[in-house]
Amino acid sequence: MSNKARSFFLTASILFLGSTPAFGQAEDSYDVRALRLESHWGRFQIVRGADGPIVGTAGVFRTADVEKIVAGSARAETEAKIFKASHRSGAIASTLGVLTFAGGLIASTNNSNSAATPILMIGGLGGVVWGARRLDSAYSSLSRAVWWYNRDIRN
C-alpha cells in the first residue's frame, strides 16, 4: 500500500473516530430523555432517565398530567388521554364500591333484616371489581404511553 493510501485511511479513521462522540451524545440524550416506570405499593413513579428525577406519579387517588410528560409523541398523548379517562372512572367506581359495600356491611351488623343489605354488598363488590379492571386498563395505557414516547424520541 502506498503512503498516500495509508495517509488517506489514517485520516479517514481519525475523522471517523473523532465523530464517535456525536453518536455517544445521541445515545446520552436518549438515556437522559427516556422515561421509565417504577412501582411502589400500588403507586407508579414516572422517572426520566436512568438516574433522573421523578417527573410524575400515578396512584389510585392522584395522578400526574401524563399528557404533558409525553408531549411531542402523538401516539403517546393518545394513550395518555385513555389513561386519564380510565383512571378517573376506575378510581371513582372503586371508591364508591368500597363505600357501598361498607354501608351494606354496617347495615348487616345492626341485626336489621333488610333486603337492601345483600344488594348493597353485592353492588359494592361489583363497583370495586369494575373499578379495579378500569384501573388495570389505565395502567396498561400508561405503560403504552411511556413505550410510544420512548420509541418516538429514539427515532
N, C-alpha and C. Protein backbone atom coordinates (compact mmCIF):
# COMPACT_ATOMS: atom_id res chain seq x y z
N MET A 1 0.84 -1.16 0.00
CA MET A 1 0.00 0.00 0.00
C MET A 1 0.89 1.23 0.00
N SER A 2 0.53 2.20 -0.77
CA SER A 2 1.35 3.40 -0.90
C SER A 2 1.16 4.31 0.31
N ASN A 3 2.08 5.26 0.44
CA ASN A 3 2.00 6.21 1.55
C ASN A 3 0.76 7.08 1.45
N LYS A 4 0.35 7.44 0.21
CA LYS A 4 -0.85 8.25 0.04
C LYS A 4 -2.09 7.49 0.51
N ALA A 5 -2.15 6.21 0.18
CA ALA A 5 -3.30 5.40 0.59
C ALA A 5 -3.33 5.27 2.11
N ARG A 6 -2.15 5.01 2.71
CA ARG A 6 -2.08 4.91 4.17
C ARG A 6 -2.48 6.22 4.82
N SER A 7 -2.01 7.29 4.28
CA SER A 7 -2.37 8.61 4.80
C SER A 7 -3.88 8.85 4.71
N PHE A 8 -4.45 8.45 3.59
CA PHE A 8 -5.89 8.60 3.39
C PHE A 8 -6.67 7.78 4.42
N PHE A 9 -6.31 6.52 4.61
CA PHE A 9 -7.00 5.66 5.56
C PHE A 9 -6.80 6.14 7.00
N LEU A 10 -5.60 6.63 7.28
CA LEU A 10 -5.33 7.15 8.61
C LEU A 10 -6.18 8.39 8.88
N THR A 11 -6.25 9.29 7.92
CA THR A 11 -7.07 10.50 8.06
C THR A 11 -8.54 10.14 8.18
N ALA A 12 -8.99 9.21 7.35
CA ALA A 12 -10.40 8.80 7.39
C ALA A 12 -10.74 8.16 8.73
N SER A 13 -9.85 7.33 9.25
CA SER A 13 -10.14 6.68 10.53
C SER A 13 -10.12 7.69 11.67
N ILE A 14 -9.23 8.67 11.61
CA ILE A 14 -9.21 9.71 12.64
C ILE A 14 -10.49 10.53 12.60
N LEU A 15 -10.94 10.87 11.39
CA LEU A 15 -12.19 11.61 11.26
C LEU A 15 -13.36 10.78 11.75
N PHE A 16 -13.35 9.49 11.41
CA PHE A 16 -14.43 8.62 11.85
C PHE A 16 -14.43 8.47 13.36
N LEU A 17 -13.26 8.21 13.93
CA LEU A 17 -13.18 8.07 15.39
C LEU A 17 -13.45 9.40 16.08
N GLY A 18 -13.09 10.48 15.44
CA GLY A 18 -13.37 11.79 16.01
C GLY A 18 -14.85 12.10 16.04
N SER A 19 -15.62 11.47 15.17
CA SER A 19 -17.05 11.73 15.16
C SER A 19 -17.82 10.78 16.06
N THR A 20 -17.13 9.84 16.71
CA THR A 20 -17.79 8.89 17.59
C THR A 20 -18.51 9.56 18.76
N PRO A 21 -17.96 10.61 19.38
CA PRO A 21 -18.71 11.24 20.47
C PRO A 21 -20.07 11.75 20.04
N ALA A 22 -20.25 12.10 18.78
CA ALA A 22 -21.57 12.53 18.34
C ALA A 22 -22.57 11.39 18.49
N PHE A 23 -22.12 10.16 18.18
CA PHE A 23 -23.00 9.02 18.38
C PHE A 23 -23.27 8.84 19.87
N GLY A 24 -22.26 8.97 20.68
CA GLY A 24 -22.42 8.85 22.12
C GLY A 24 -23.34 9.91 22.68
N GLN A 25 -23.24 11.12 22.15
CA GLN A 25 -24.10 12.20 22.61
C GLN A 25 -25.55 11.90 22.28
N ALA A 26 -25.80 11.33 21.10
CA ALA A 26 -27.18 11.00 20.74
C ALA A 26 -27.73 9.94 21.69
N GLU A 27 -26.89 8.96 22.03
CA GLU A 27 -27.34 7.95 22.97
C GLU A 27 -27.52 8.54 24.35
N ASP A 28 -26.61 9.43 24.75
CA ASP A 28 -26.75 10.07 26.05
C ASP A 28 -28.03 10.88 26.11
N SER A 29 -28.38 11.58 25.04
CA SER A 29 -29.60 12.38 25.07
C SER A 29 -30.81 11.47 25.18
N TYR A 30 -30.76 10.30 24.55
CA TYR A 30 -31.86 9.34 24.71
C TYR A 30 -31.89 8.83 26.14
N ASP A 31 -30.71 8.49 26.67
CA ASP A 31 -30.66 7.98 28.03
C ASP A 31 -31.15 9.00 29.04
N VAL A 32 -30.98 10.25 28.75
CA VAL A 32 -31.42 11.31 29.66
C VAL A 32 -32.91 11.59 29.49
N ARG A 33 -33.42 11.50 28.26
CA ARG A 33 -34.81 11.86 27.98
C ARG A 33 -35.80 10.72 28.12
N ALA A 34 -35.36 9.48 28.04
CA ALA A 34 -36.26 8.33 28.07
C ALA A 34 -36.98 8.24 29.42
N LEU A 35 -38.19 7.71 29.39
CA LEU A 35 -38.98 7.55 30.60
C LEU A 35 -39.02 6.08 31.01
N ARG A 36 -39.25 5.86 32.29
CA ARG A 36 -39.45 4.51 32.78
C ARG A 36 -40.42 4.56 33.95
N LEU A 37 -41.03 3.42 34.25
CA LEU A 37 -41.99 3.33 35.33
C LEU A 37 -41.41 2.50 36.47
N GLU A 38 -41.62 2.96 37.68
CA GLU A 38 -41.26 2.21 38.88
C GLU A 38 -42.50 2.07 39.73
N SER A 39 -42.72 0.88 40.26
CA SER A 39 -43.90 0.61 41.08
C SER A 39 -43.52 0.56 42.55
N HIS A 40 -44.31 1.26 43.38
CA HIS A 40 -44.09 1.27 44.82
C HIS A 40 -45.45 1.17 45.52
N TRP A 41 -45.81 -0.02 45.98
CA TRP A 41 -47.02 -0.25 46.75
C TRP A 41 -48.28 0.37 46.13
N GLY A 42 -48.57 0.01 44.90
CA GLY A 42 -49.78 0.49 44.25
C GLY A 42 -49.66 1.88 43.65
N ARG A 43 -48.50 2.45 43.68
CA ARG A 43 -48.26 3.77 43.12
C ARG A 43 -47.13 3.66 42.10
N PHE A 44 -47.31 4.30 40.98
CA PHE A 44 -46.29 4.29 39.94
C PHE A 44 -45.58 5.63 39.92
N GLN A 45 -44.27 5.57 39.76
CA GLN A 45 -43.48 6.78 39.58
C GLN A 45 -42.98 6.78 38.14
N ILE A 46 -43.10 7.93 37.49
CA ILE A 46 -42.58 8.11 36.14
C ILE A 46 -41.25 8.83 36.30
N VAL A 47 -40.18 8.13 35.89
CA VAL A 47 -38.83 8.63 36.10
C VAL A 47 -38.20 8.91 34.74
N ARG A 48 -37.50 10.02 34.63
CA ARG A 48 -36.82 10.38 33.39
C ARG A 48 -35.35 9.98 33.50
N GLY A 49 -34.91 9.15 32.57
CA GLY A 49 -33.51 8.73 32.52
C GLY A 49 -33.20 7.62 33.51
N ALA A 50 -31.96 7.17 33.45
CA ALA A 50 -31.54 6.07 34.32
C ALA A 50 -31.50 6.48 35.79
N ASP A 51 -30.96 7.65 36.07
CA ASP A 51 -30.86 8.13 37.44
C ASP A 51 -31.54 9.49 37.60
N GLY A 52 -32.47 9.76 36.72
CA GLY A 52 -33.06 11.09 36.66
C GLY A 52 -34.13 11.35 37.69
N PRO A 53 -34.74 12.49 37.55
CA PRO A 53 -35.75 12.91 38.53
C PRO A 53 -37.09 12.20 38.29
N ILE A 54 -37.90 12.17 39.33
CA ILE A 54 -39.28 11.68 39.21
C ILE A 54 -40.08 12.82 38.60
N VAL A 55 -40.68 12.58 37.43
CA VAL A 55 -41.42 13.64 36.74
C VAL A 55 -42.91 13.53 36.96
N GLY A 56 -43.37 12.44 37.57
CA GLY A 56 -44.79 12.29 37.85
C GLY A 56 -45.06 11.02 38.62
N THR A 57 -46.21 11.00 39.28
CA THR A 57 -46.64 9.81 39.99
C THR A 57 -48.07 9.49 39.59
N ALA A 58 -48.43 8.24 39.71
CA ALA A 58 -49.79 7.80 39.43
C ALA A 58 -50.19 6.82 40.52
N GLY A 59 -51.20 7.19 41.26
CA GLY A 59 -51.74 6.33 42.30
C GLY A 59 -53.24 6.24 42.12
N VAL A 60 -53.91 5.63 43.07
CA VAL A 60 -55.35 5.46 42.95
C VAL A 60 -56.07 6.80 43.00
N PHE A 61 -55.64 7.72 43.85
CA PHE A 61 -56.37 8.96 44.02
C PHE A 61 -55.73 10.18 43.38
N ARG A 62 -54.48 10.06 42.95
CA ARG A 62 -53.80 11.23 42.39
C ARG A 62 -52.87 10.81 41.27
N THR A 63 -52.90 11.58 40.18
CA THR A 63 -52.01 11.27 39.07
C THR A 63 -51.39 12.55 38.53
N ALA A 64 -50.27 12.38 37.89
CA ALA A 64 -49.61 13.49 37.22
C ALA A 64 -50.28 13.70 35.86
N ASP A 65 -50.01 14.83 35.26
CA ASP A 65 -50.53 15.11 33.92
C ASP A 65 -49.62 14.40 32.91
N VAL A 66 -49.96 13.18 32.60
CA VAL A 66 -49.12 12.35 31.73
C VAL A 66 -49.06 12.93 30.33
N GLU A 67 -50.13 13.59 29.89
CA GLU A 67 -50.13 14.18 28.55
C GLU A 67 -48.99 15.20 28.39
N LYS A 68 -48.73 15.98 29.42
CA LYS A 68 -47.62 16.94 29.35
C LYS A 68 -46.27 16.25 29.37
N ILE A 69 -46.18 15.17 30.13
CA ILE A 69 -44.91 14.47 30.26
C ILE A 69 -44.50 13.83 28.94
N VAL A 70 -45.47 13.28 28.21
CA VAL A 70 -45.16 12.59 26.95
C VAL A 70 -45.44 13.47 25.73
N ALA A 71 -45.54 14.77 25.95
CA ALA A 71 -45.82 15.68 24.84
C ALA A 71 -44.76 15.55 23.75
N GLY A 72 -45.20 15.63 22.52
CA GLY A 72 -44.29 15.51 21.38
C GLY A 72 -44.47 14.21 20.64
N SER A 73 -45.12 13.24 21.24
CA SER A 73 -45.40 11.97 20.60
C SER A 73 -46.92 11.81 20.53
N ALA A 74 -47.45 11.86 19.32
CA ALA A 74 -48.91 11.82 19.15
C ALA A 74 -49.52 10.53 19.70
N ARG A 75 -48.88 9.42 19.43
CA ARG A 75 -49.41 8.14 19.91
C ARG A 75 -49.35 8.06 21.43
N ALA A 76 -48.29 8.57 22.01
CA ALA A 76 -48.16 8.56 23.47
C ALA A 76 -49.21 9.47 24.10
N GLU A 77 -49.48 10.60 23.49
CA GLU A 77 -50.50 11.51 24.01
C GLU A 77 -51.88 10.86 23.95
N THR A 78 -52.16 10.10 22.89
CA THR A 78 -53.44 9.39 22.78
C THR A 78 -53.58 8.37 23.91
N GLU A 79 -52.53 7.61 24.17
CA GLU A 79 -52.56 6.64 25.27
C GLU A 79 -52.67 7.36 26.62
N ALA A 80 -52.07 8.52 26.75
CA ALA A 80 -52.17 9.29 27.99
C ALA A 80 -53.60 9.76 28.23
N LYS A 81 -54.30 10.13 27.17
CA LYS A 81 -55.72 10.52 27.31
C LYS A 81 -56.56 9.33 27.74
N ILE A 82 -56.28 8.15 27.16
CA ILE A 82 -57.00 6.94 27.56
C ILE A 82 -56.71 6.63 29.03
N PHE A 83 -55.45 6.79 29.43
CA PHE A 83 -55.07 6.58 30.83
C PHE A 83 -55.86 7.50 31.75
N LYS A 84 -55.94 8.76 31.39
CA LYS A 84 -56.62 9.74 32.23
C LYS A 84 -58.10 9.39 32.40
N ALA A 85 -58.77 9.05 31.30
CA ALA A 85 -60.20 8.73 31.36
C ALA A 85 -60.44 7.43 32.14
N SER A 86 -59.65 6.41 31.86
CA SER A 86 -59.83 5.12 32.54
C SER A 86 -59.49 5.23 34.02
N HIS A 87 -58.46 5.99 34.33
CA HIS A 87 -58.04 6.12 35.72
C HIS A 87 -59.10 6.84 36.55
N ARG A 88 -59.64 7.90 36.01
CA ARG A 88 -60.65 8.66 36.76
C ARG A 88 -61.88 7.80 37.03
N SER A 89 -62.40 7.14 36.00
CA SER A 89 -63.60 6.33 36.19
C SER A 89 -63.31 5.13 37.10
N GLY A 90 -62.14 4.54 36.99
CA GLY A 90 -61.78 3.42 37.85
C GLY A 90 -61.65 3.82 39.31
N ALA A 91 -61.04 4.96 39.56
CA ALA A 91 -60.88 5.42 40.94
C ALA A 91 -62.22 5.76 41.57
N ILE A 92 -63.09 6.41 40.81
CA ILE A 92 -64.41 6.77 41.33
C ILE A 92 -65.23 5.51 41.60
N ALA A 93 -65.24 4.58 40.65
CA ALA A 93 -66.03 3.35 40.82
C ALA A 93 -65.52 2.52 41.99
N SER A 94 -64.21 2.43 42.15
CA SER A 94 -63.64 1.66 43.27
C SER A 94 -64.00 2.29 44.60
N THR A 95 -63.89 3.60 44.67
CA THR A 95 -64.21 4.31 45.92
C THR A 95 -65.68 4.15 46.27
N LEU A 96 -66.55 4.37 45.30
CA LEU A 96 -67.98 4.21 45.56
C LEU A 96 -68.32 2.76 45.90
N GLY A 97 -67.65 1.82 45.26
CA GLY A 97 -67.89 0.41 45.56
C GLY A 97 -67.51 0.07 46.99
N VAL A 98 -66.36 0.56 47.44
CA VAL A 98 -65.93 0.30 48.82
C VAL A 98 -66.91 0.93 49.80
N LEU A 99 -67.34 2.16 49.53
CA LEU A 99 -68.29 2.82 50.42
C LEU A 99 -69.64 2.11 50.45
N THR A 100 -70.11 1.64 49.29
CA THR A 100 -71.38 0.92 49.22
C THR A 100 -71.28 -0.41 49.95
N PHE A 101 -70.19 -1.13 49.73
CA PHE A 101 -70.00 -2.40 50.43
C PHE A 101 -69.94 -2.18 51.94
N ALA A 102 -69.22 -1.14 52.37
CA ALA A 102 -69.13 -0.84 53.80
C ALA A 102 -70.49 -0.50 54.38
N GLY A 103 -71.30 0.24 53.61
CA GLY A 103 -72.66 0.55 54.07
C GLY A 103 -73.49 -0.71 54.23
N GLY A 104 -73.38 -1.63 53.30
CA GLY A 104 -74.10 -2.90 53.42
C GLY A 104 -73.60 -3.73 54.58
N LEU A 105 -72.31 -3.71 54.82
CA LEU A 105 -71.73 -4.45 55.93
C LEU A 105 -72.19 -3.87 57.26
N ILE A 106 -72.21 -2.56 57.37
CA ILE A 106 -72.67 -1.91 58.59
C ILE A 106 -74.15 -2.21 58.82
N ALA A 107 -74.93 -2.18 57.74
CA ALA A 107 -76.36 -2.48 57.87
C ALA A 107 -76.58 -3.92 58.31
N SER A 108 -75.72 -4.83 57.87
CA SER A 108 -75.90 -6.23 58.25
C SER A 108 -75.51 -6.49 59.71
N THR A 109 -74.63 -5.69 60.26
CA THR A 109 -74.22 -5.89 61.66
C THR A 109 -75.22 -5.28 62.64
N ASN A 110 -76.14 -4.49 62.16
CA ASN A 110 -77.13 -3.86 63.03
C ASN A 110 -78.32 -4.78 63.29
N ASN A 111 -78.20 -6.04 62.91
CA ASN A 111 -79.26 -7.03 63.09
C ASN A 111 -80.56 -6.62 62.44
N SER A 112 -80.46 -5.78 61.43
CA SER A 112 -81.67 -5.43 60.70
C SER A 112 -81.87 -6.46 59.61
N ASN A 113 -83.08 -6.86 59.42
CA ASN A 113 -83.41 -7.85 58.41
C ASN A 113 -83.85 -7.14 57.15
N SER A 114 -82.98 -6.33 56.62
CA SER A 114 -83.30 -5.54 55.44
C SER A 114 -82.90 -6.28 54.18
N ALA A 115 -83.75 -6.20 53.17
CA ALA A 115 -83.44 -6.83 51.89
C ALA A 115 -82.39 -6.04 51.12
N ALA A 116 -82.17 -4.80 51.52
CA ALA A 116 -81.19 -3.96 50.82
C ALA A 116 -79.76 -4.31 51.19
N THR A 117 -79.56 -4.97 52.31
CA THR A 117 -78.20 -5.28 52.77
C THR A 117 -77.42 -6.12 51.75
N PRO A 118 -77.94 -7.27 51.29
CA PRO A 118 -77.16 -8.03 50.31
C PRO A 118 -77.02 -7.30 48.98
N ILE A 119 -78.00 -6.51 48.64
CA ILE A 119 -77.92 -5.75 47.39
C ILE A 119 -76.80 -4.72 47.48
N LEU A 120 -76.70 -4.05 48.61
CA LEU A 120 -75.62 -3.08 48.80
C LEU A 120 -74.25 -3.76 48.75
N MET A 121 -74.14 -4.91 49.39
CA MET A 121 -72.87 -5.60 49.43
C MET A 121 -72.48 -6.13 48.04
N ILE A 122 -73.42 -6.71 47.34
CA ILE A 122 -73.12 -7.23 46.00
C ILE A 122 -72.83 -6.08 45.04
N GLY A 123 -73.62 -5.02 45.12
CA GLY A 123 -73.37 -3.85 44.27
C GLY A 123 -72.03 -3.21 44.57
N GLY A 124 -71.68 -3.14 45.86
CA GLY A 124 -70.39 -2.58 46.24
C GLY A 124 -69.23 -3.40 45.72
N LEU A 125 -69.35 -4.72 45.84
CA LEU A 125 -68.28 -5.58 45.31
C LEU A 125 -68.18 -5.45 43.79
N GLY A 126 -69.32 -5.33 43.13
CA GLY A 126 -69.32 -5.13 41.67
C GLY A 126 -68.61 -3.84 41.30
N GLY A 127 -68.85 -2.76 42.06
CA GLY A 127 -68.17 -1.49 41.80
C GLY A 127 -66.67 -1.58 42.01
N VAL A 128 -66.27 -2.32 43.05
CA VAL A 128 -64.84 -2.48 43.32
C VAL A 128 -64.18 -3.26 42.18
N VAL A 129 -64.82 -4.35 41.75
CA VAL A 129 -64.25 -5.17 40.68
C VAL A 129 -64.18 -4.38 39.38
N TRP A 130 -65.26 -3.68 39.02
CA TRP A 130 -65.27 -2.90 37.78
C TRP A 130 -64.23 -1.79 37.84
N GLY A 131 -64.14 -1.12 38.97
CA GLY A 131 -63.15 -0.06 39.13
C GLY A 131 -61.73 -0.58 39.05
N ALA A 132 -61.49 -1.76 39.64
CA ALA A 132 -60.15 -2.36 39.58
C ALA A 132 -59.79 -2.72 38.14
N ARG A 133 -60.75 -3.19 37.38
CA ARG A 133 -60.48 -3.50 35.98
C ARG A 133 -60.16 -2.24 35.19
N ARG A 134 -60.89 -1.15 35.47
CA ARG A 134 -60.61 0.13 34.80
C ARG A 134 -59.22 0.65 35.19
N LEU A 135 -58.85 0.52 36.44
CA LEU A 135 -57.53 0.96 36.88
C LEU A 135 -56.44 0.12 36.21
N ASP A 136 -56.67 -1.18 36.09
CA ASP A 136 -55.71 -2.05 35.42
C ASP A 136 -55.55 -1.63 33.96
N SER A 137 -56.66 -1.33 33.31
CA SER A 137 -56.62 -0.86 31.93
C SER A 137 -55.90 0.49 31.83
N ALA A 138 -56.12 1.34 32.82
CA ALA A 138 -55.46 2.65 32.83
C ALA A 138 -53.94 2.50 32.94
N TYR A 139 -53.48 1.63 33.82
CA TYR A 139 -52.04 1.45 33.98
C TYR A 139 -51.41 0.79 32.76
N SER A 140 -52.17 -0.03 32.06
CA SER A 140 -51.68 -0.57 30.79
C SER A 140 -51.51 0.55 29.77
N SER A 141 -52.45 1.48 29.73
CA SER A 141 -52.34 2.63 28.82
C SER A 141 -51.16 3.51 29.21
N LEU A 142 -50.91 3.66 30.50
CA LEU A 142 -49.75 4.44 30.95
C LEU A 142 -48.47 3.79 30.47
N SER A 143 -48.39 2.48 30.57
CA SER A 143 -47.20 1.77 30.10
C SER A 143 -47.02 1.94 28.60
N ARG A 144 -48.12 1.86 27.85
CA ARG A 144 -48.03 2.06 26.40
C ARG A 144 -47.64 3.49 26.06
N ALA A 145 -48.12 4.46 26.82
CA ALA A 145 -47.75 5.86 26.58
C ALA A 145 -46.26 6.06 26.76
N VAL A 146 -45.70 5.48 27.79
CA VAL A 146 -44.26 5.58 28.02
C VAL A 146 -43.50 4.88 26.89
N TRP A 147 -43.98 3.72 26.47
CA TRP A 147 -43.31 2.98 25.39
C TRP A 147 -43.32 3.79 24.10
N TRP A 148 -44.50 4.34 23.73
CA TRP A 148 -44.57 5.13 22.49
C TRP A 148 -43.68 6.36 22.58
N TYR A 149 -43.65 7.02 23.72
CA TYR A 149 -42.81 8.20 23.89
C TYR A 149 -41.34 7.83 23.67
N ASN A 150 -40.90 6.75 24.33
CA ASN A 150 -39.51 6.33 24.19
C ASN A 150 -39.21 5.93 22.75
N ARG A 151 -40.13 5.27 22.11
CA ARG A 151 -39.91 4.86 20.70
C ARG A 151 -39.77 6.08 19.80
N ASP A 152 -40.63 7.08 20.03
CA ASP A 152 -40.61 8.25 19.15
C ASP A 152 -39.39 9.14 19.39
N ILE A 153 -38.88 9.22 20.62
CA ILE A 153 -37.68 10.04 20.83
C ILE A 153 -36.45 9.33 20.34
N ARG A 154 -36.51 8.02 20.22
CA ARG A 154 -35.37 7.24 19.71
C ARG A 154 -35.21 7.45 18.20
N ASN A 155 -36.33 7.60 17.51
CA ASN A 155 -36.28 7.73 16.04
C ASN A 155 -36.00 9.12 15.60
